[in-house]
Amino acid sequence: MICASSATTIEEFEYCERLSIQAKADDAPPLLPCFAIHPQMPLVMGNGTQMFLQDSLSVLDTLAAQKRLGAVGETGFDLFNAAFKETEGIQDELFAAHLETALRYDLPLVIHSRRAMHKVFAHAPALKKCRAVIFHSWSGTAGEGEALLMRGINAFFSFGTVIMLNHKEAMRCCAAFPQDRLLTETDAPFQPPRGKEFSSYADISAILGAMETLRAQSGMEKIIETNLRAAFY
């Protein structure tokens, strides 16, 4: 199955790119390297934020211009707690820059959003112009997902181990969304299944199984593969 991997530093990106080149040489499923400044980075970087952001935005533009990106992402908004909210202004600027790059180079956009769906909707007119908008670890409601599609946004909604962990709204969304809008992910290593310390690519099979159970529908692996190609190619 096609796999996309997001990097936040040039070193991470080049590692993913080497894996992508090796996969192609081995005639293995494609790995698509992506790049962005994650919305949590302004808080994480602290005093080094400004230089990091300038350098990273330059890297983003260079990689996009050189046609080395599978997508711009993951970018977006994280307003999960008071500390992240303090960087909201910087997150706004970064998202605008990432969105502009995705539009200029006709690249898919991968969005991270925690407690910030109102900010995503504020950009709906521009998002409608994107080739595809992939919502990483969808955390919105079923109604919000439907509203994005109604606005003409070519949106895809990705689900990971949360649908195996009794996250009721994620499970409801996974069951209700049109099948051609669904994607899967592991968010490795950050969303481990119950009983594991980390998540890995190997967890995809279990996630697909949970999706099939929720939707009372078989053959989800083939459907997800088709959706991945529609979103990223």
C-alpha atoms as a PDB file:
ATOM      1  CA  MET A   1       0.000   0.000   0.000  1.00  0.00           C
ATOM      2  CA  ILE A   2       1.145   3.558  -0.724  1.00  0.00           C
ATOM      3  CA  CYS A   3       2.552   5.306   2.343  1.00  0.00           C
ATOM      4  CA  ALA A   4       3.106   9.015   3.044  1.00  0.00           C
ATOM      5  CA  SER A   5       5.516  10.209   5.717  1.00  0.00           C
ATOM      6  CA  SER A   6       5.736  13.746   7.102  1.00  0.00           C
ATOM      7  CA  ALA A   7       9.011  15.396   8.099  1.00  0.00           C
ATOM      8  CA  THR A   8       9.667  18.599  10.035  1.00  0.00           C
ATOM      9  CA  THR A   9      13.427  18.925   9.420  1.00  0.00           C
ATOM     10  CA  ILE A  10      15.527  18.551   6.286  1.00  0.00           C
ATOM     11  CA  GLU A  11      17.327  15.610   7.915  1.00  0.00           C
ATOM     12  CA  GLU A  12      14.034  13.783   8.477  1.00  0.00           C
ATOM     13  CA  PHE A  13      12.929  14.581   4.949  1.00  0.00           C
ATOM     14  CA  GLU A  14      16.132  13.309   3.362  1.00  0.00           C
ATOM     15  CA  TYR A  15      15.819  10.076   5.357  1.00  0.00           C
ATOM     16  CA  CYS A  16      12.252   9.597   4.072  1.00  0.00           C
ATOM     17  CA  GLU A  17      13.392  10.483   0.571  1.00  0.00           C
ATOM     18  CA  ARG A  18      16.104   7.811   0.689  1.00  0.00           C
ATOM     19  CA  LEU A  19      13.494   5.260   1.751  1.00  0.00           C
ATOM     20  CA  SER A  20      11.287   6.430  -1.115  1.00  0.00           C
ATOM     21  CA  ILE A  21      14.098   5.979  -3.648  1.00  0.00           C
ATOM     22  CA  GLN A  22      14.887   2.532  -2.229  1.00  0.00           C
ATOM     23  CA  ALA A  23      11.234   1.493  -2.394  1.00  0.00           C
ATOM     24  CA  LYS A  24      11.140   2.466  -6.045  1.00  0.00           C
ATOM     25  CA  ALA A  25      14.336   0.533  -6.758  1.00  0.00           C
ATOM     26  CA  ASP A  26      12.902  -2.531  -5.009  1.00  0.00           C
ATOM     27  CA  ASP A  27       9.606  -2.196  -6.897  1.00  0.00           C
ATOM     28  CA  ALA A  28       7.906  -1.850  -3.498  1.00  0.00           C
ATOM     29  CA  PRO A  29       4.790   0.251  -2.770  1.00  0.00           C
ATOM     30  CA  PRO A  30       5.572   3.976  -3.079  1.00  0.00           C
ATOM     31  CA  LEU A  31       6.573   6.047  -0.051  1.00  0.00           C
ATOM     32  CA  LEU A  32       5.748   9.738  -0.484  1.00  0.00           C
ATOM     33  CA  PRO A  33       7.958  12.136   1.510  1.00  0.00           C
ATOM     34  CA  CYS A  34       6.168  15.245   2.787  1.00  0.00           C
ATOM     35  CA  PHE A  35       7.419  18.322   4.624  1.00  0.00           C
ATOM     36  CA  ALA A  36       5.997  21.112   6.778  1.00  0.00           C
ATOM     37  CA  ILE A  37       6.449  23.036   9.994  1.00  0.00           C
ATOM     38  CA  HIS A  38       4.174  21.232  12.435  1.00  0.00           C
ATOM     39  CA  PRO A  39       1.913  23.665  14.330  1.00  0.00           C
ATOM     40  CA  GLN A  40       3.387  22.472  17.624  1.00  0.00           C
ATOM     41  CA  MET A  41       6.914  23.491  16.600  1.00  0.00           C
ATOM     42  CA  PRO A  42       6.711  27.195  17.583  1.00  0.00           C
ATOM     43  CA  LEU A  43       6.143  26.102  21.182  1.00  0.00           C
ATOM     44  CA  VAL A  44       8.702  23.278  21.062  1.00  0.00           C
ATOM     45  CA  MET A  45      11.468  25.468  19.608  1.00  0.00           C
ATOM     46  CA  GLY A  46      11.147  28.212  22.202  1.00  0.00           C
ATOM     47  CA  ASN A  47      13.812  30.902  21.777  1.00  0.00           C
ATOM     48  CA  GLY A  48      15.027  29.400  18.512  1.00  0.00           C
ATOM     49  CA  THR A  49      11.640  29.685  16.852  1.00  0.00           C
ATOM     50  CA  GLN A  50      12.179  32.591  14.479  1.00  0.00           C
ATOM     51  CA  MET A  51      15.334  31.292  12.806  1.00  0.00           C
ATOM     52  CA  PHE A  52      13.918  27.761  12.649  1.00  0.00           C
ATOM     53  CA  LEU A  53      10.746  29.008  10.958  1.00  0.00           C
ATOM     54  CA  GLN A  54      12.613  31.106   8.391  1.00  0.00           C
ATOM     55  CA  ASP A  55      14.967  28.262   7.518  1.00  0.00           C
ATOM     56  CA  SER A  56      12.148  25.700   7.352  1.00  0.00           C
ATOM     57  CA  LEU A  57       9.931  27.817   5.121  1.00  0.00           C
ATOM     58  CA  SER A  58      12.900  28.229   2.766  1.00  0.00           C
ATOM     59  CA  VAL A  59      13.378  24.443   2.758  1.00  0.00           C
ATOM     60  CA  LEU A  60       9.668  23.944   2.059  1.00  0.00           C
ATOM     61  CA  ASP A  61       9.746  26.230  -0.955  1.00  0.00           C
ATOM     62  CA  THR A  62      12.922  24.642  -2.306  1.00  0.00           C
ATOM     63  CA  LEU A  63      11.575  21.091  -1.997  1.00  0.00           C
ATOM     64  CA  ALA A  64       8.295  22.091  -3.633  1.00  0.00           C
ATOM     65  CA  ALA A  65      10.066  23.878  -6.492  1.00  0.00           C
ATOM     66  CA  GLN A  66      12.281  20.826  -7.047  1.00  0.00           C
ATOM     67  CA  LYS A  67       9.178  18.584  -7.205  1.00  0.00           C
ATOM     68  CA  ARG A  68      10.438  16.419  -4.355  1.00  0.00           C
ATOM     69  CA  LEU A  69       7.304  16.623  -2.192  1.00  0.00           C
ATOM     70  CA  GLY A  70       4.412  14.203  -2.059  1.00  0.00           C
ATOM     71  CA  ALA A  71       2.431  16.804  -0.131  1.00  0.00           C
ATOM     72  CA  VAL A  72       2.744  19.868   2.062  1.00  0.00           C
ATOM     73  CA  GLY A  73       2.140  18.705   5.582  1.00  0.00           C
ATOM     74  CA  GLU A  74       1.424  18.264   8.203  1.00  0.00           C
ATOM     75  CA  THR A  75       0.504  21.876   8.829  1.00  0.00           C
ATOM     76  CA  GLY A  76      -2.477  23.388  10.582  1.00  0.00           C
ATOM     77  CA  PHE A  77      -3.515  24.491  14.038  1.00  0.00           C
ATOM     78  CA  ASP A  78      -3.089  23.115  17.547  1.00  0.00           C
ATOM     79  CA  LEU A  79      -5.034  24.906  20.277  1.00  0.00           C
ATOM     80  CA  PHE A  80      -5.178  21.934  22.616  1.00  0.00           C
ATOM     81  CA  ASN A  81      -4.052  23.837  25.717  1.00  0.00           C
ATOM     82  CA  ALA A  82      -3.071  27.288  26.965  1.00  0.00           C
ATOM     83  CA  ALA A  83       0.591  26.872  25.979  1.00  0.00           C
ATOM     84  CA  PHE A  84      -0.247  26.084  22.364  1.00  0.00           C
ATOM     85  CA  LYS A  85      -2.795  28.908  22.257  1.00  0.00           C
ATOM     86  CA  GLU A  86       0.000  31.367  23.034  1.00  0.00           C
ATOM     87  CA  THR A  87       1.513  30.571  19.633  1.00  0.00           C
ATOM     88  CA  GLU A  88      -1.773  30.928  17.732  1.00  0.00           C
ATOM     89  CA  GLY A  89      -0.612  34.030  15.848  1.00  0.00           C
ATOM     90  CA  ILE A  90       2.506  32.259  14.601  1.00  0.00           C
ATOM     91  CA  GLN A  91       0.422  29.211  13.667  1.00  0.00           C
ATOM     92  CA  ASP A  92      -1.842  31.475  11.603  1.00  0.00           C
ATOM     93  CA  GLU A  93       1.116  32.866   9.670  1.00  0.00           C
ATOM     94  CA  LEU A  94       2.625  29.445   9.109  1.00  0.00           C
ATOM     95  CA  PHE A  95      -0.610  27.929   7.863  1.00  0.00           C
ATOM     96  CA  ALA A  96      -1.097  30.765   5.401  1.00  0.00           C
ATOM     97  CA  ALA A  97       2.437  30.220   4.077  1.00  0.00           C
ATOM     98  CA  HIS A  98       1.951  26.465   3.744  1.00  0.00           C
ATOM     99  CA  LEU A  99      -1.414  26.863   2.044  1.00  0.00           C
ATOM    100  CA  GLU A 100       0.074  29.322  -0.429  1.00  0.00           C
ATOM    101  CA  THR A 101       2.868  26.869  -1.247  1.00  0.00           C
ATOM    102  CA  ALA A 102       0.418  24.008  -1.774  1.00  0.00           C
ATOM    103  CA  LEU A 103      -1.648  26.141  -4.139  1.00  0.00           C
ATOM    104  CA  ARG A 104       1.336  27.548  -6.027  1.00  0.00           C
ATOM    105  CA  TYR A 105       2.870  24.130  -6.667  1.00  0.00           C
ATOM    106  CA  ASP A 106      -0.420  22.203  -6.957  1.00  0.00           C
ATOM    107  CA  LEU A 107       0.371  19.906  -4.028  1.00  0.00           C
ATOM    108  CA  PRO A 108      -1.958  18.104  -1.606  1.00  0.00           C
ATOM    109  CA  LEU A 109      -2.194  19.667   1.842  1.00  0.00           C
ATOM    110  CA  VAL A 110      -2.094  17.562   5.035  1.00  0.00           C
ATOM    111  CA  ILE A 111      -3.808  19.263   7.979  1.00  0.00           C
ATOM    112  CA  HIS A 112      -3.335  18.737  11.704  1.00  0.00           C
ATOM    113  CA  SER A 113      -6.166  20.289  13.704  1.00  0.00           C
ATOM    114  CA  ARG A 114      -6.823  20.056  17.433  1.00  0.00           C
ATOM    115  CA  ARG A 115      -9.636  22.163  18.861  1.00  0.00           C
ATOM    116  CA  ALA A 116      -9.250  24.464  15.869  1.00  0.00           C
ATOM    117  CA  MET A 117     -11.821  23.434  13.293  1.00  0.00           C
ATOM    118  CA  HIS A 118     -13.195  26.991  13.253  1.00  0.00           C
ATOM    119  CA  LYS A 119      -9.829  28.136  11.877  1.00  0.00           C
ATOM    120  CA  VAL A 120      -9.937  25.479   9.145  1.00  0.00           C
ATOM    121  CA  PHE A 121     -13.399  26.637   8.084  1.00  0.00           C
ATOM    122  CA  ALA A 122     -12.144  30.239   7.920  1.00  0.00           C
ATOM    123  CA  HIS A 123      -9.814  29.104   5.108  1.00  0.00           C
ATOM    124  CA  ALA A 124     -12.500  27.130   3.252  1.00  0.00           C
ATOM    125  CA  PRO A 125     -12.499  29.315   0.092  1.00  0.00           C
ATOM    126  CA  ALA A 126      -8.754  28.757  -0.394  1.00  0.00           C
ATOM    127  CA  LEU A 127      -8.885  25.093   0.632  1.00  0.00           C
ATOM    128  CA  LYS A 128     -11.488  24.559  -2.087  1.00  0.00           C
ATOM    129  CA  LYS A 129      -8.748  25.394  -4.611  1.00  0.00           C
ATOM    130  CA  CYS A 130      -6.346  22.742  -3.281  1.00  0.00           C
ATOM    131  CA  ARG A 131      -5.784  19.582  -5.264  1.00  0.00           C
ATOM    132  CA  ALA A 132      -6.626  17.602  -2.104  1.00  0.00           C
ATOM    133  CA  VAL A 133      -6.884  18.303   1.619  1.00  0.00           C
ATOM    134  CA  ILE A 134      -6.026  15.358   3.873  1.00  0.00           C
ATOM    135  CA  PHE A 135      -7.119  15.633   7.499  1.00  0.00           C
ATOM    136  CA  HIS A 136      -4.563  13.774   9.581  1.00  0.00           C
ATOM    137  CA  SER A 137      -6.100  11.838  12.492  1.00  0.00           C
ATOM    138  CA  TRP A 138      -9.519  13.383  11.932  1.00  0.00           C
ATOM    139  CA  SER A 139     -10.708  14.891  15.215  1.00  0.00           C
ATOM    140  CA  GLY A 140     -13.794  16.761  14.044  1.00  0.00           C
ATOM    141  CA  THR A 141     -17.429  15.745  14.078  1.00  0.00           C
ATOM    142  CA  ALA A 142     -19.403  13.977  11.368  1.00  0.00           C
ATOM    143  CA  GLY A 143     -21.262  17.233  10.709  1.00  0.00           C
ATOM    144  CA  GLU A 144     -18.024  19.182  10.288  1.00  0.00           C
ATOM    145  CA  GLY A 145     -16.723  16.640   7.814  1.00  0.00           C
ATOM    146  CA  GLU A 146     -19.917  16.805   5.802  1.00  0.00           C
ATOM    147  CA  ALA A 147     -19.786  20.609   5.875  1.00  0.00           C
ATOM    148  CA  LEU A 148     -16.269  20.632   4.439  1.00  0.00           C
ATOM    149  CA  LEU A 149     -17.384  18.429   1.561  1.00  0.00           C
ATOM    150  CA  MET A 150     -20.477  20.581   1.008  1.00  0.00           C
ATOM    151  CA  ARG A 151     -18.159  23.590   0.609  1.00  0.00           C
ATOM    152  CA  GLY A 152     -16.517  21.875  -2.347  1.00  0.00           C
ATOM    153  CA  ILE A 153     -13.272  20.958  -0.584  1.00  0.00           C
ATOM    154  CA  ASN A 154     -11.654  17.796  -1.952  1.00  0.00           C
ATOM    155  CA  ALA A 155     -11.305  16.475   1.590  1.00  0.00           C
ATOM    156  CA  PHE A 156     -10.050  13.093   2.781  1.00  0.00           C
ATOM    157  CA  PHE A 157     -10.356  11.973   6.398  1.00  0.00           C
ATOM    158  CA  SER A 158      -7.637   9.785   7.892  1.00  0.00           C
ATOM    159  CA  PHE A 159      -8.229   7.471  10.856  1.00  0.00           C
ATOM    160  CA  GLY A 160      -5.737   5.642  13.024  1.00  0.00           C
ATOM    161  CA  THR A 161      -5.779   3.624  16.214  1.00  0.00           C
ATOM    162  CA  VAL A 162      -8.358   5.928  17.844  1.00  0.00           C
ATOM    163  CA  ILE A 163     -11.074   3.902  16.104  1.00  0.00           C
ATOM    164  CA  MET A 164      -9.772   0.887  18.060  1.00  0.00           C
ATOM    165  CA  LEU A 165      -9.753   2.776  21.374  1.00  0.00           C
ATOM    166  CA  ASN A 166     -13.440   3.592  21.806  1.00  0.00           C
ATOM    167  CA  HIS A 167     -13.188   7.189  20.559  1.00  0.00           C
ATOM    168  CA  LYS A 168     -16.904   7.412  19.849  1.00  0.00           C
ATOM    169  CA  GLU A 169     -16.990  10.434  17.512  1.00  0.00           C
ATOM    170  CA  ALA A 170     -14.062   9.159  15.430  1.00  0.00           C
ATOM    171  CA  MET A 171     -15.785   5.787  15.198  1.00  0.00           C
ATOM    172  CA  ARG A 172     -19.047   7.453  14.167  1.00  0.00           C
ATOM    173  CA  CYS A 173     -17.262   9.487  11.477  1.00  0.00           C
ATOM    174  CA  CYS A 174     -15.400   6.455  10.172  1.00  0.00           C
ATOM    175  CA  ALA A 175     -18.668   4.567   9.842  1.00  0.00           C
ATOM    176  CA  ALA A 176     -20.600   7.434   8.252  1.00  0.00           C
ATOM    177  CA  PHE A 177     -18.271   9.175   5.796  1.00  0.00           C
ATOM    178  CA  PRO A 178     -18.400   8.214   2.097  1.00  0.00           C
ATOM    179  CA  GLN A 179     -15.987   5.379   1.398  1.00  0.00           C
ATOM    180  CA  ASP A 180     -14.128   7.402  -1.227  1.00  0.00           C
ATOM    181  CA  ARG A 181     -13.148   9.946   1.466  1.00  0.00           C
ATOM    182  CA  LEU A 182     -11.470   7.561   3.902  1.00  0.00           C
ATOM    183  CA  LEU A 183      -7.757   7.069   4.604  1.00  0.00           C
ATOM    184  CA  THR A 184      -5.824   5.182   7.276  1.00  0.00           C
ATOM    185  CA  GLU A 185      -2.689   6.043   9.235  1.00  0.00           C
ATOM    186  CA  THR A 186      -0.574   5.002  12.202  1.00  0.00           C
ATOM    187  CA  ASP A 187       0.863   8.428  13.173  1.00  0.00           C
ATOM    188  CA  ALA A 188       3.870   6.309  14.157  1.00  0.00           C
ATOM    189  CA  PRO A 189       5.050   6.269  16.825  1.00  0.00           C
ATOM    190  CA  PHE A 190       2.541   8.549  18.567  1.00  0.00           C
ATOM    191  CA  GLN A 191      -0.778   6.661  18.541  1.00  0.00           C
ATOM    192  CA  PRO A 192      -0.056   3.186  19.928  1.00  0.00           C
ATOM    193  CA  PRO A 193      -2.784   0.555  20.067  1.00  0.00           C
ATOM    194  CA  ARG A 194      -3.802  -0.645  23.496  1.00  0.00           C
ATOM    195  CA  GLY A 195      -1.024  -2.688  25.085  1.00  0.00           C
ATOM    196  CA  LYS A 196       1.782  -1.276  22.929  1.00  0.00           C
ATOM    197  CA  GLU A 197       4.264   1.489  23.705  1.00  0.00           C
ATOM    198  CA  PHE A 198       4.466   2.827  20.140  1.00  0.00           C
ATOM    199  CA  SER A 199       2.571   2.577  16.886  1.00  0.00           C
ATOM    200  CA  SER A 200       4.158   1.314  13.673  1.00  0.00           C
ATOM    201  CA  TYR A 201       3.293   0.697  10.037  1.00  0.00           C
ATOM    202  CA  ALA A 202       2.419  -2.891  11.000  1.00  0.00           C
ATOM    203  CA  ASP A 203      -0.662  -1.579  12.829  1.00  0.00           C
ATOM    204  CA  ILE A 204      -2.332  -0.676   9.524  1.00  0.00           C
ATOM    205  CA  SER A 205      -3.816  -4.166   9.218  1.00  0.00           C
ATOM    206  CA  ALA A 206      -5.565  -3.865  12.576  1.00  0.00           C
ATOM    207  CA  ILE A 207      -6.814  -0.366  11.737  1.00  0.00           C
ATOM    208  CA  LEU A 208      -8.226  -1.615   8.437  1.00  0.00           C
ATOM    209  CA  GLY A 209      -9.919  -4.449  10.310  1.00  0.00           C
ATOM    210  CA  ALA A 210     -11.486  -2.019  12.774  1.00  0.00           C
ATOM    211  CA  MET A 211     -12.685   0.126   9.865  1.00  0.00           C
ATOM    212  CA  GLU A 212     -14.297  -2.873   8.184  1.00  0.00           C
ATOM    213  CA  THR A 213     -16.067  -3.766  11.423  1.00  0.00           C
ATOM    214  CA  LEU A 214     -17.367  -0.236  11.969  1.00  0.00           C
ATOM    215  CA  ARG A 215     -18.641   0.020   8.413  1.00  0.00           C
ATOM    216  CA  ALA A 216     -19.797  -3.600   8.156  1.00  0.00           C
ATOM    217  CA  GLN A 217     -17.902  -3.595   4.874  1.00  0.00           C
ATOM    218  CA  SER A 218     -15.104  -5.748   3.514  1.00  0.00           C
ATOM    219  CA  GLY A 219     -12.348  -4.898   1.033  1.00  0.00           C
ATOM    220  CA  MET A 220     -11.246  -1.679   2.754  1.00  0.00           C
ATOM    221  CA  GLU A 221      -7.573  -2.170   1.870  1.00  0.00           C
ATOM    222  CA  LYS A 222      -8.314  -1.860  -1.836  1.00  0.00           C
ATOM    223  CA  ILE A 223     -10.621   1.105  -1.211  1.00  0.00           C
ATOM    224  CA  ILE A 224      -7.979   2.921   0.858  1.00  0.00           C
ATOM    225  CA  GLU A 225      -5.341   2.262  -1.812  1.00  0.00           C
ATOM    226  CA  THR A 226      -7.626   3.827  -4.429  1.00  0.00           C
ATOM    227  CA  ASN A 227      -8.291   6.817  -2.145  1.00  0.00           C
ATOM    228  CA  LEU A 228      -4.569   7.312  -1.480  1.00  0.00           C
ATOM    229  CA  ARG A 229      -3.918   7.523  -5.187  1.00  0.00           C
ATOM    230  CA  ALA A 230      -6.794   9.970  -5.620  1.00  0.00           C
ATOM    231  CA  ALA A 231      -5.489  12.173  -2.818  1.00  0.00           C
ATOM    232  CA  PHE A 232      -1.770  12.171  -3.603  1.00  0.00           C
ATOM    233  CA  TYR A 233      -1.553  11.757  -7.382  1.00  0.00           C
END
